[in-house]
Amino acid sequence: MWKIKEHKDILKVYPKLQPEVLKKYELWKSIVYRHGPEKLKEFPGFHDEKLKGQYIDERSSRLNIKYRLIYRIDKNLSTIYSLKITPHKY
């Protein structure tokens, strides 16, 4: 089992998010908690990917066409750090 630690900013964003985004985030947490982040590759809707540049240690999962979840993995501690849910800039 993996641990998921949410940044305090995620809790601030919760009330502003659409219900379908919250539902997808809860599904994401359920998958990661039970199976780990590698399992996300089996779900193409999340479009899970490693980030580049200044965010090189972080990953991104798509919650819908607009919102992304940015997170970091610590495999030594079996912990996922959910950092922020943010609108994707196109």
N, C-alpha and C. Protein backbone atom coordinates (compact mmCIF):
# COMPACT_ATOMS: atom_id res chain seq x y z
N MET A 1 0.84 -1.19 0.00
CA MET A 1 0.00 0.00 0.00
C MET A 1 0.88 1.25 0.00
N TRP A 2 0.47 2.22 -0.77
CA TRP A 2 1.19 3.48 -0.87
C TRP A 2 0.52 4.52 0.01
N LYS A 3 1.29 5.45 0.49
CA LYS A 3 0.75 6.59 1.25
C LYS A 3 0.61 7.76 0.29
N ILE A 4 -0.42 8.56 0.51
CA ILE A 4 -0.63 9.76 -0.29
C ILE A 4 -0.68 10.94 0.68
N LYS A 5 0.22 11.87 0.48
CA LYS A 5 0.25 13.08 1.31
C LYS A 5 -0.10 14.27 0.42
N GLU A 6 -1.17 14.96 0.81
CA GLU A 6 -1.64 16.10 0.03
C GLU A 6 -1.09 17.41 0.59
N HIS A 7 -0.66 18.25 -0.31
CA HIS A 7 -0.22 19.58 0.07
C HIS A 7 -1.43 20.39 0.53
N LYS A 8 -1.22 21.31 1.44
CA LYS A 8 -2.35 22.10 1.97
C LYS A 8 -3.06 22.91 0.90
N ASP A 9 -2.37 23.25 -0.19
CA ASP A 9 -3.00 24.03 -1.26
C ASP A 9 -4.08 23.23 -1.99
N ILE A 10 -3.95 21.91 -2.01
CA ILE A 10 -4.98 21.10 -2.67
C ILE A 10 -6.30 21.22 -1.92
N LEU A 11 -6.24 21.24 -0.60
CA LEU A 11 -7.47 21.38 0.18
C LEU A 11 -8.12 22.74 -0.01
N LYS A 12 -7.32 23.76 -0.31
CA LYS A 12 -7.86 25.10 -0.57
C LYS A 12 -8.58 25.14 -1.92
N VAL A 13 -8.11 24.36 -2.88
CA VAL A 13 -8.66 24.36 -4.23
C VAL A 13 -9.94 23.52 -4.32
N TYR A 14 -10.09 22.54 -3.43
CA TYR A 14 -11.23 21.61 -3.45
C TYR A 14 -12.58 22.27 -3.69
N PRO A 15 -12.95 23.29 -2.91
CA PRO A 15 -14.30 23.87 -3.09
C PRO A 15 -14.51 24.53 -4.45
N LYS A 16 -13.44 24.89 -5.14
CA LYS A 16 -13.54 25.59 -6.41
C LYS A 16 -13.62 24.64 -7.61
N LEU A 17 -13.33 23.37 -7.39
CA LEU A 17 -13.26 22.42 -8.50
C LEU A 17 -14.63 21.87 -8.88
N GLN A 18 -14.75 21.50 -10.13
CA GLN A 18 -15.98 20.89 -10.63
C GLN A 18 -16.11 19.48 -10.06
N PRO A 19 -17.34 18.99 -9.86
CA PRO A 19 -17.53 17.66 -9.28
C PRO A 19 -16.84 16.54 -10.07
N GLU A 20 -16.81 16.64 -11.41
CA GLU A 20 -16.16 15.58 -12.18
C GLU A 20 -14.64 15.56 -11.98
N VAL A 21 -14.05 16.72 -11.71
CA VAL A 21 -12.61 16.79 -11.44
C VAL A 21 -12.33 16.15 -10.08
N LEU A 22 -13.16 16.45 -9.09
CA LEU A 22 -12.99 15.84 -7.77
C LEU A 22 -13.15 14.32 -7.83
N LYS A 23 -14.13 13.87 -8.61
CA LYS A 23 -14.36 12.44 -8.74
C LYS A 23 -13.16 11.75 -9.38
N LYS A 24 -12.59 12.36 -10.40
CA LYS A 24 -11.41 11.78 -11.07
C LYS A 24 -10.20 11.80 -10.14
N TYR A 25 -10.07 12.83 -9.32
CA TYR A 25 -8.97 12.89 -8.36
C TYR A 25 -9.11 11.78 -7.31
N GLU A 26 -10.33 11.55 -6.86
CA GLU A 26 -10.56 10.47 -5.90
C GLU A 26 -10.26 9.10 -6.53
N LEU A 27 -10.61 8.93 -7.80
CA LEU A 27 -10.27 7.70 -8.51
C LEU A 27 -8.76 7.55 -8.62
N TRP A 28 -8.07 8.64 -8.96
CA TRP A 28 -6.61 8.63 -9.04
C TRP A 28 -6.00 8.20 -7.71
N LYS A 29 -6.49 8.78 -6.61
CA LYS A 29 -5.96 8.43 -5.29
C LYS A 29 -6.21 6.96 -4.98
N SER A 30 -7.37 6.45 -5.33
CA SER A 30 -7.70 5.05 -5.07
C SER A 30 -6.75 4.11 -5.83
N ILE A 31 -6.49 4.40 -7.09
CA ILE A 31 -5.59 3.57 -7.89
C ILE A 31 -4.18 3.60 -7.32
N VAL A 32 -3.69 4.78 -7.02
CA VAL A 32 -2.32 4.92 -6.51
C VAL A 32 -2.18 4.28 -5.14
N TYR A 33 -3.16 4.45 -4.29
CA TYR A 33 -3.11 3.89 -2.94
C TYR A 33 -3.02 2.36 -2.98
N ARG A 34 -3.82 1.76 -3.84
CA ARG A 34 -3.88 0.30 -3.90
C ARG A 34 -2.75 -0.33 -4.70
N HIS A 35 -2.40 0.28 -5.84
CA HIS A 35 -1.50 -0.37 -6.78
C HIS A 35 -0.19 0.36 -7.04
N GLY A 36 -0.08 1.60 -6.61
CA GLY A 36 1.13 2.38 -6.88
C GLY A 36 1.02 3.17 -8.16
N PRO A 37 1.93 4.10 -8.36
CA PRO A 37 1.86 5.01 -9.51
C PRO A 37 2.09 4.33 -10.86
N GLU A 38 2.74 3.18 -10.89
CA GLU A 38 2.98 2.48 -12.15
C GLU A 38 1.67 2.03 -12.80
N LYS A 39 0.67 1.77 -12.01
CA LYS A 39 -0.64 1.31 -12.51
C LYS A 39 -1.32 2.39 -13.37
N LEU A 40 -0.98 3.66 -13.16
CA LEU A 40 -1.62 4.74 -13.91
C LEU A 40 -1.37 4.63 -15.41
N LYS A 41 -0.29 3.97 -15.80
CA LYS A 41 0.02 3.81 -17.22
C LYS A 41 -1.04 2.97 -17.94
N GLU A 42 -1.78 2.17 -17.20
CA GLU A 42 -2.83 1.33 -17.79
C GLU A 42 -4.12 2.11 -18.04
N PHE A 43 -4.18 3.34 -17.57
CA PHE A 43 -5.36 4.19 -17.74
C PHE A 43 -5.00 5.38 -18.62
N PRO A 44 -5.23 5.28 -19.93
CA PRO A 44 -4.80 6.36 -20.83
C PRO A 44 -5.50 7.70 -20.57
N GLY A 45 -6.64 7.70 -19.90
CA GLY A 45 -7.34 8.94 -19.60
C GLY A 45 -6.57 9.86 -18.67
N PHE A 46 -5.70 9.29 -17.86
CA PHE A 46 -4.90 10.12 -16.96
C PHE A 46 -3.70 10.75 -17.66
N HIS A 47 -3.31 10.19 -18.80
CA HIS A 47 -2.17 10.72 -19.57
C HIS A 47 -1.02 11.08 -18.63
N ASP A 48 -0.67 10.12 -17.79
CA ASP A 48 0.38 10.33 -16.79
C ASP A 48 1.73 10.48 -17.47
N GLU A 49 2.48 11.52 -17.09
CA GLU A 49 3.78 11.76 -17.73
C GLU A 49 4.75 12.44 -16.79
N LYS A 50 6.02 12.22 -17.05
CA LYS A 50 7.10 12.87 -16.32
C LYS A 50 7.26 14.29 -16.86
N LEU A 51 7.49 15.24 -15.97
CA LEU A 51 7.64 16.62 -16.40
C LEU A 51 9.10 16.95 -16.69
N LYS A 52 9.31 18.06 -17.36
CA LYS A 52 10.65 18.47 -17.77
C LYS A 52 11.01 19.82 -17.16
N GLY A 53 12.23 20.24 -17.40
CA GLY A 53 12.68 21.56 -16.97
C GLY A 53 12.80 21.66 -15.47
N GLN A 54 12.27 22.74 -14.91
CA GLN A 54 12.39 22.97 -13.47
C GLN A 54 11.55 21.99 -12.65
N TYR A 55 10.66 21.25 -13.31
CA TYR A 55 9.80 20.28 -12.63
C TYR A 55 10.26 18.84 -12.88
N ILE A 56 11.54 18.64 -13.09
CA ILE A 56 12.07 17.35 -13.54
C ILE A 56 11.79 16.20 -12.57
N ASP A 57 11.65 16.46 -11.29
CA ASP A 57 11.39 15.40 -10.31
C ASP A 57 9.91 15.13 -10.11
N GLU A 58 9.06 15.78 -10.88
CA GLU A 58 7.63 15.68 -10.67
C GLU A 58 6.94 15.02 -11.87
N ARG A 59 5.70 14.61 -11.64
CA ARG A 59 4.88 13.98 -12.68
C ARG A 59 3.54 14.71 -12.77
N SER A 60 2.83 14.47 -13.84
CA SER A 60 1.54 15.11 -14.07
C SER A 60 0.52 14.05 -14.50
N SER A 61 -0.70 14.15 -13.97
CA SER A 61 -1.81 13.32 -14.42
C SER A 61 -2.97 14.23 -14.80
N ARG A 62 -3.62 13.91 -15.89
CA ARG A 62 -4.75 14.71 -16.37
C ARG A 62 -6.01 14.31 -15.62
N LEU A 63 -6.68 15.30 -15.03
CA LEU A 63 -7.95 15.04 -14.35
C LEU A 63 -9.14 15.35 -15.27
N ASN A 64 -8.95 16.28 -16.16
CA ASN A 64 -9.87 16.53 -17.28
C ASN A 64 -9.10 17.35 -18.31
N ILE A 65 -9.77 17.87 -19.30
CA ILE A 65 -9.06 18.59 -20.37
C ILE A 65 -8.36 19.83 -19.83
N LYS A 66 -8.87 20.40 -18.75
CA LYS A 66 -8.30 21.63 -18.22
C LYS A 66 -7.36 21.41 -17.04
N TYR A 67 -7.70 20.53 -16.12
CA TYR A 67 -6.96 20.42 -14.87
C TYR A 67 -5.96 19.27 -14.85
N ARG A 68 -4.81 19.54 -14.24
CA ARG A 68 -3.74 18.57 -14.05
C ARG A 68 -3.41 18.44 -12.58
N LEU A 69 -3.03 17.26 -12.18
CA LEU A 69 -2.51 17.01 -10.84
C LEU A 69 -1.00 16.88 -10.96
N ILE A 70 -0.28 17.66 -10.20
CA ILE A 70 1.18 17.60 -10.17
C ILE A 70 1.56 16.86 -8.89
N TYR A 71 2.42 15.85 -9.02
CA TYR A 71 2.80 15.06 -7.85
C TYR A 71 4.24 14.58 -7.95
N ARG A 72 4.76 14.14 -6.82
CA ARG A 72 6.12 13.63 -6.72
C ARG A 72 6.08 12.25 -6.07
N ILE A 73 6.96 11.37 -6.49
CA ILE A 73 7.02 10.00 -5.97
C ILE A 73 8.29 9.82 -5.13
N ASP A 74 8.13 9.21 -3.96
CA ASP A 74 9.27 8.79 -3.14
C ASP A 74 9.16 7.28 -2.98
N LYS A 75 9.85 6.54 -3.85
CA LYS A 75 9.73 5.08 -3.84
C LYS A 75 10.32 4.46 -2.57
N ASN A 76 11.32 5.09 -1.98
CA ASN A 76 11.92 4.56 -0.75
C ASN A 76 10.92 4.49 0.39
N LEU A 77 10.03 5.48 0.45
CA LEU A 77 9.03 5.55 1.52
C LEU A 77 7.65 5.06 1.06
N SER A 78 7.54 4.65 -0.21
CA SER A 78 6.25 4.28 -0.80
C SER A 78 5.22 5.39 -0.56
N THR A 79 5.62 6.60 -0.89
CA THR A 79 4.78 7.77 -0.63
C THR A 79 4.64 8.61 -1.90
N ILE A 80 3.43 9.09 -2.12
CA ILE A 80 3.14 10.01 -3.20
C ILE A 80 2.80 11.35 -2.57
N TYR A 81 3.42 12.42 -3.05
CA TYR A 81 3.14 13.77 -2.57
C TYR A 81 2.33 14.50 -3.64
N SER A 82 1.03 14.69 -3.38
CA SER A 82 0.18 15.47 -4.28
C SER A 82 0.48 16.94 -4.01
N LEU A 83 1.03 17.61 -5.00
CA LEU A 83 1.49 18.97 -4.79
C LEU A 83 0.45 20.03 -5.13
N LYS A 84 -0.18 19.88 -6.30
CA LYS A 84 -1.20 20.87 -6.66
C LYS A 84 -2.07 20.37 -7.79
N ILE A 85 -3.28 20.91 -7.81
CA ILE A 85 -4.20 20.71 -8.93
C ILE A 85 -4.31 22.07 -9.59
N THR A 86 -3.96 22.12 -10.84
CA THR A 86 -3.83 23.41 -11.51
C THR A 86 -4.39 23.36 -12.93
N PRO A 87 -4.91 24.50 -13.43
CA PRO A 87 -5.32 24.53 -14.82
C PRO A 87 -4.11 24.39 -15.73
N HIS A 88 -4.24 23.62 -16.77
CA HIS A 88 -3.15 23.43 -17.72
C HIS A 88 -3.10 24.62 -18.66
N LYS A 89 -1.92 25.14 -18.90
CA LYS A 89 -1.76 26.29 -19.81
C LYS A 89 -1.47 25.77 -21.20
N TYR A 90 -2.27 26.21 -22.15
CA TYR A 90 -2.06 25.79 -23.55
C TYR A 90 -1.39 26.88 -24.33
